[in-house]
Protein backbone atom coordinates (compact mmCIF):
# COMPACT_ATOMS: atom_id res chain seq x y z
CA MET A 1 -33.55 105.95 -19.66
CA LEU A 2 -30.12 104.87 -18.44
CA PRO A 3 -29.32 101.17 -17.97
CA THR A 4 -29.25 99.96 -14.37
CA LEU A 5 -26.35 97.84 -13.15
CA THR A 6 -26.61 95.54 -10.17
CA GLY A 7 -23.54 93.49 -9.47
CA VAL A 8 -20.72 92.36 -7.25
CA GLY A 9 -17.53 94.36 -7.66
CA ARG A 10 -14.38 95.27 -5.82
CA LEU A 11 -13.11 98.69 -4.76
CA THR A 12 -9.85 99.50 -6.57
CA GLY A 13 -9.20 102.44 -4.23
CA ASP A 14 -10.59 104.06 -1.11
CA PRO A 15 -13.68 106.23 -1.67
CA GLU A 16 -12.83 109.94 -1.86
CA LEU A 17 -15.27 112.37 -0.25
CA ARG A 18 -15.60 115.95 -1.48
CA PHE A 19 -18.17 118.69 -1.04
CA THR A 20 -19.77 120.85 -3.73
CA GLN A 21 -19.92 124.64 -3.38
CA SER A 22 -23.42 124.21 -1.91
CA SER A 23 -22.04 121.78 0.73
CA LYS A 24 -23.47 118.59 -0.78
CA ALA A 25 -21.34 115.51 -0.14
CA VAL A 26 -20.14 113.57 -3.19
CA ALA A 27 -17.93 110.48 -3.14
CA SER A 28 -15.90 109.05 -5.98
CA ILE A 29 -15.74 105.25 -5.64
CA PRO A 30 -13.49 103.34 -8.09
CA LEU A 31 -14.86 99.88 -8.90
CA ALA A 32 -13.87 96.80 -10.90
CA PHE A 33 -16.19 94.01 -12.01
CA ASN A 34 -14.74 90.80 -13.42
CA SER A 35 -15.86 87.42 -14.64
CA ARG A 36 -13.70 85.22 -12.42
CA ARG A 37 -14.69 81.58 -12.73
CA LYS A 38 -13.44 78.25 -11.49
CA ASN A 39 -12.21 76.04 -14.31
CA PRO A 40 -13.80 72.62 -13.69
CA GLN A 41 -11.02 70.81 -15.58
CA THR A 42 -8.06 72.35 -13.69
CA ASN A 43 -9.96 73.24 -10.51
CA GLU A 44 -8.18 76.64 -10.65
CA TRP A 45 -9.68 80.15 -10.63
CA GLU A 46 -9.33 82.07 -13.90
CA ASP A 47 -9.89 85.78 -14.43
CA GLY A 48 -11.87 86.87 -17.46
CA ASP A 49 -12.56 90.38 -18.72
CA THR A 50 -12.58 93.23 -16.20
CA PHE A 51 -14.86 96.29 -16.36
CA PHE A 52 -13.48 99.32 -14.52
CA VAL A 53 -15.88 102.14 -13.67
CA ARG A 54 -15.85 105.17 -11.41
CA GLY A 55 -18.90 105.27 -9.20
CA THR A 56 -20.35 108.44 -7.75
CA ALA A 57 -22.50 108.54 -4.61
CA TRP A 58 -24.27 111.61 -3.24
CA GLU A 59 -25.24 113.10 0.13
CA ARG A 60 -25.71 110.65 3.04
CA LEU A 61 -24.87 107.64 0.87
CA ALA A 62 -21.55 109.32 -0.05
CA GLU A 63 -20.67 110.02 3.57
CA ASN A 64 -21.70 106.54 4.78
CA ALA A 65 -19.83 104.78 1.95
CA THR A 66 -16.67 106.78 2.63
CA GLU A 67 -16.82 105.94 6.32
CA THR A 68 -17.57 102.23 5.73
CA LEU A 69 -15.77 101.06 2.59
CA THR A 70 -12.05 100.63 1.83
CA LYS A 71 -9.85 99.57 -1.06
CA GLY A 72 -10.06 95.84 -1.85
CA MET A 73 -13.53 95.29 -0.33
CA GLU A 74 -16.00 93.25 -2.34
CA VAL A 75 -19.29 95.14 -2.57
CA ILE A 76 -22.78 94.70 -3.91
CA VAL A 77 -23.75 97.81 -5.83
CA THR A 78 -26.73 99.13 -7.79
CA GLY A 79 -26.69 102.21 -9.95
CA ASP A 80 -27.33 103.85 -13.30
CA LEU A 81 -24.68 103.55 -16.02
CA ARG A 82 -23.91 106.73 -17.92
CA THR A 83 -21.16 108.19 -20.07
CA GLU A 84 -18.99 111.04 -18.79
CA ARG A 85 -17.63 113.34 -21.49
CA TRP A 86 -15.11 116.14 -21.18
CA GLU A 87 -12.59 118.08 -23.21
CA LYS A 88 -9.03 118.83 -22.19
CA ASP A 89 -6.44 120.63 -24.30
CA GLY A 90 -8.73 120.43 -27.33
CA GLN A 91 -9.07 116.65 -27.04
CA LYS A 92 -12.47 115.06 -26.32
CA TYR A 93 -12.64 112.17 -23.85
CA GLU A 94 -15.35 109.86 -22.58
CA ARG A 95 -15.65 106.94 -20.18
CA PRO A 96 -18.34 104.94 -18.45
CA ALA A 97 -19.53 106.07 -15.01
CA LEU A 98 -21.92 104.70 -12.42
CA LEU A 99 -24.37 106.86 -10.47
CA ILE A 100 -24.59 104.71 -7.33
CA ARG A 101 -28.04 104.21 -5.75
CA SER A 102 -26.95 101.63 -3.14
CA ILE A 103 -23.70 99.98 -2.10
CA ALA A 104 -22.78 97.59 0.70
CA PRO A 105 -20.02 95.14 1.65
CA ASN A 106 -20.56 91.57 0.44
CA LEU A 107 -21.24 89.59 3.62
CA ALA A 108 -20.00 86.40 1.96
CA PHE A 109 -16.47 87.69 2.66
CA ALA A 110 -16.87 90.20 5.50
CA VAL A 111 -18.67 90.77 8.77
CA ALA A 112 -20.47 94.06 9.23
CA LYS A 113 -22.05 95.69 12.24
CA VAL A 114 -24.89 97.88 11.09
CA ALA A 115 -25.62 101.12 12.89
CA LYS A 116 -27.93 103.94 11.89
CA ASP A 117 -26.13 107.10 10.89
CA ALA A 118 -26.69 110.28 12.92
CA ALA A 119 -29.41 111.61 10.60
CA SER A 120 -31.36 108.35 10.86
CA GLN A 121 -31.07 108.27 14.66
CA GLN A 122 -32.96 111.57 14.92
CA ASN A 123 -36.08 109.65 13.88
CA GLY A 124 -35.11 106.43 15.68
CA GLN A 125 -38.20 106.34 17.89
CA ASN A 126 -40.44 106.44 14.83
CA GLY A 127 -38.72 103.71 12.85
CA GLY A 128 -37.32 106.35 10.49
CA ARG A 129 -40.70 108.02 9.86
CA PRO A 130 -40.84 111.79 10.32
CA GLN A 131 -42.60 113.16 13.37
CA GLN A 132 -45.51 115.51 12.99
CA GLY A 133 -44.27 118.77 11.50
CA GLN A 134 -41.15 117.15 10.00
CA THR A 135 -40.64 116.33 6.38
CA GLN A 136 -39.10 113.12 5.08
CA ARG A 137 -35.94 113.62 3.00
CA SER A 138 -36.05 111.58 -0.15
CA ARG A 139 -33.11 110.39 -2.17
CA PRO A 140 -32.47 112.45 -5.29
CA THR A 141 -33.21 110.68 -8.56
CA THR A 142 -30.74 112.80 -10.51
CA PRO A 143 -27.45 114.42 -9.56
CA PRO A 144 -27.71 117.92 -8.11
CA THR A 145 -27.33 120.79 -10.56
CA ASP A 146 -23.97 121.68 -9.00
CA ASP A 147 -22.53 118.22 -9.77
CA PRO A 148 -18.80 118.94 -10.32
CA TRP A 149 -18.64 116.04 -12.83
CA ALA A 150 -21.86 116.82 -14.68
CA VAL A 151 -22.01 116.77 -18.43
CA ASP A 152 -22.95 119.95 -20.27
CA GLN A 153 -26.02 118.63 -22.08
CA ALA A 154 -26.01 121.48 -24.60
CA GLN A 155 -22.38 120.89 -25.60
CA GLY A 156 -22.31 117.12 -24.92
CA TYR A 157 -19.21 117.46 -22.75
CA SER A 158 -17.66 119.45 -19.94
CA ASN A 159 -14.53 121.56 -20.15
CA GLU A 160 -13.36 120.09 -16.86
CA PRO A 161 -12.03 116.55 -16.36
CA PRO A 162 -14.39 114.51 -14.16
CA PHE A 163 -11.69 113.78 -11.59
């Protein structure tokens, strides 16, 4: 089981939306988490260690995040930490990655107007519940099999860089 991260971070770049060959939306969201604290003796803010991680969001979450979030925004994010591995020019690489389950602007520093996305509005009269004869789409618990940044489990790495 992968460790779950829930924290407050900042976008270090705008989310980038792409589509897989099967037309599934995937967004790459660069994040930084730091341990900034106010020094009680000097009354100044001091930055501690910073953890940089590339987050990945899928499908409607990817599209909504790309439309809503921009570089520099402070966000509240939850996701599963994992390690991405790849090989390039005979050299093996790895880095931490975050499979994002939820992400939203931190309302302590921003004002947001919430609106249902187009897919949610189709079921607006039912409070988001499917009508008779419709099926409810559930959020995937694992990345799709055509994940362009997926790790080859048999080899332990991918031949393609994850970016």
